[in-house]
C-alpha atoms as a PDB file:
ATOM      1  CA  MET A   1     -44.213  21.533  -6.356  1.00  0.00           C
ATOM      2  CA  SER A   2     -47.209  19.816  -5.876  1.00  0.00           C
ATOM      3  CA  LEU A   3     -48.346  18.677  -2.638  1.00  0.00           C
ATOM      4  CA  VAL A   4     -50.295  15.313  -3.748  1.00  0.00           C
ATOM      5  CA  LEU A   5     -48.746  12.811  -6.518  1.00  0.00           C
ATOM      6  CA  ALA A   6     -50.660  10.633  -8.116  1.00  0.00           C
ATOM      7  CA  LEU A   7     -49.299   7.080  -7.987  1.00  0.00           C
ATOM      8  CA  GLU A   8     -49.004   6.552 -11.795  1.00  0.00           C
ATOM      9  CA  ALA A   9     -46.958   9.889 -11.938  1.00  0.00           C
ATOM     10  CA  ILE A  10     -44.492   9.150  -9.561  1.00  0.00           C
ATOM     11  CA  LEU A  11     -40.987   8.790 -10.523  1.00  0.00           C
ATOM     12  CA  SER A  12     -37.859   6.673  -8.606  1.00  0.00           C
ATOM     13  CA  LYS A  13     -36.093  10.377  -8.020  1.00  0.00           C
ATOM     14  CA  ASP A  14     -39.280  10.899  -5.791  1.00  0.00           C
ATOM     15  CA  ARG A  15     -38.876   8.642  -2.719  1.00  0.00           C
ATOM     16  CA  PRO A  16     -37.158  10.605  -0.189  1.00  0.00           C
ATOM     17  CA  ARG A  17     -40.508  13.121  -1.440  1.00  0.00           C
ATOM     18  CA  VAL A  18     -42.606  10.232  -1.170  1.00  0.00           C
ATOM     19  CA  GLY A  19     -41.728   7.726   1.020  1.00  0.00           C
ATOM     20  CA  GLY A  20     -40.987   3.853   0.796  1.00  0.00           C
ATOM     21  CA  LYS A  21     -44.277   2.409   0.393  1.00  0.00           C
ATOM     22  CA  ALA A  22     -45.467   4.757  -2.389  1.00  0.00           C
ATOM     23  CA  ALA A  23     -42.075   3.960  -4.345  1.00  0.00           C
ATOM     24  CA  ALA A  24     -42.566   0.301  -4.026  1.00  0.00           C
ATOM     25  CA  VAL A  25     -45.622   0.994  -5.546  1.00  0.00           C
ATOM     26  CA  GLU A  26     -44.438   2.804  -8.654  1.00  0.00           C
ATOM     27  CA  LYS A  27     -41.712   0.124  -9.456  1.00  0.00           C
ATOM     28  CA  LEU A  28     -44.963  -2.325  -9.203  1.00  0.00           C
ATOM     29  CA  ILE A  29     -46.675   0.104 -11.502  1.00  0.00           C
ATOM     30  CA  ASN A  30     -43.572   0.223 -13.758  1.00  0.00           C
ATOM     31  CA  HIS A  31     -43.267  -3.336 -14.104  1.00  0.00           C
ATOM     32  CA  GLY A  32     -46.633  -4.063 -15.439  1.00  0.00           C
ATOM     33  CA  LEU A  33     -48.349  -4.963 -12.230  1.00  0.00           C
ATOM     34  CA  SER A  34     -52.244  -3.813 -11.852  1.00  0.00           C
ATOM     35  CA  VAL A  35     -52.503  -1.429  -9.141  1.00  0.00           C
ATOM     36  CA  PRO A  36     -55.212   0.558  -8.243  1.00  0.00           C
ATOM     37  CA  ARG A  37     -55.409   4.158  -8.911  1.00  0.00           C
ATOM     38  CA  GLY A  38     -54.490   6.237  -6.019  1.00  0.00           C
ATOM     39  CA  ILE A  39     -52.619   9.432  -4.492  1.00  0.00           C
ATOM     40  CA  VAL A  40     -49.667  10.248  -1.960  1.00  0.00           C
ATOM     41  CA  MET A  41     -48.963  12.800   0.118  1.00  0.00           C
ATOM     42  CA  THR A  42     -45.241  14.341  -0.383  1.00  0.00           C
ATOM     43  CA  THR A  43     -43.403  15.079   2.721  1.00  0.00           C
ATOM     44  CA  GLU A  44     -44.205  18.699   1.775  1.00  0.00           C
ATOM     45  CA  ALA A  45     -47.714  18.403   2.402  1.00  0.00           C
ATOM     46  CA  TYR A  46     -47.095  16.562   5.791  1.00  0.00           C
ATOM     47  CA  GLN A  47     -44.635  19.378   6.922  1.00  0.00           C
ATOM     48  CA  HIS A  48     -46.855  22.029   5.664  1.00  0.00           C
ATOM     49  CA  PHE A  49     -49.622  20.554   7.340  1.00  0.00           C
ATOM     50  CA  VAL A  50     -47.404  20.453  10.858  1.00  0.00           C
ATOM     51  CA  THR A  51     -46.047  23.837  11.029  1.00  0.00           C
ATOM     52  CA  SER A  52     -49.463  25.629   9.853  1.00  0.00           C
ATOM     53  CA  THR A  53     -51.782  23.651  12.322  1.00  0.00           C
ATOM     54  CA  GLY A  54     -50.119  23.460  15.335  1.00  0.00           C
ATOM     55  CA  PRO A  55     -48.827  19.935  16.256  1.00  0.00           C
ATOM     56  CA  ARG A  56     -45.227  20.153  15.579  1.00  0.00           C
ATOM     57  CA  ASN A  57     -44.492  20.672  18.857  1.00  0.00           C
ATOM     58  CA  ARG A  58     -46.662  18.355  20.411  1.00  0.00           C
ATOM     59  CA  ILE A  59     -45.417  15.477  18.532  1.00  0.00           C
ATOM     60  CA  ALA A  60     -41.300  16.864  19.675  1.00  0.00           C
ATOM     61  CA  ALA A  61     -42.508  16.986  23.025  1.00  0.00           C
ATOM     62  CA  GLU A  62     -43.762  13.310  23.411  1.00  0.00           C
ATOM     63  CA  LEU A  63     -41.267  11.625  21.122  1.00  0.00           C
ATOM     64  CA  GLN A  64     -38.763  13.149  23.872  1.00  0.00           C
ATOM     65  CA  ARG A  65     -40.974  12.287  26.919  1.00  0.00           C
ATOM     66  CA  LYS A  66     -39.507   9.094  26.915  1.00  0.00           C
ATOM     67  CA  ARG A  67     -37.028   6.388  24.494  1.00  0.00           C
ATOM     68  CA  PHE A  68     -38.593   5.583  21.543  1.00  0.00           C
ATOM     69  CA  GLU A  69     -37.893   1.967  22.336  1.00  0.00           C
ATOM     70  CA  ASP A  70     -39.277   2.271  25.612  1.00  0.00           C
ATOM     71  CA  MET A  71     -42.796   3.117  24.216  1.00  0.00           C
ATOM     72  CA  ARG A  72     -45.588   1.148  23.504  1.00  0.00           C
ATOM     73  CA  TRP A  73     -47.124   1.270  20.234  1.00  0.00           C
ATOM     74  CA  GLU A  74     -50.113   2.834  21.657  1.00  0.00           C
ATOM     75  CA  GLU A  75     -48.198   5.499  22.411  1.00  0.00           C
ATOM     76  CA  LEU A  76     -46.505   5.865  18.622  1.00  0.00           C
END
């Protein structure tokens, strides 16, 4: 399974792997609109990164520090 996909290679079934923004770009491309070439990192790539480099625990700790609704944008 690829960790990075070209925007033009995204299929509608890939939405869970690439997220909403990339899926929306896929729709634009499929409707014939001109979109600059690009790539998207998959959720598998993100999970691999946070697991292998160590920030997973720190991210979890920060998100549990206080209620999400009470966080300032800088904290996110």
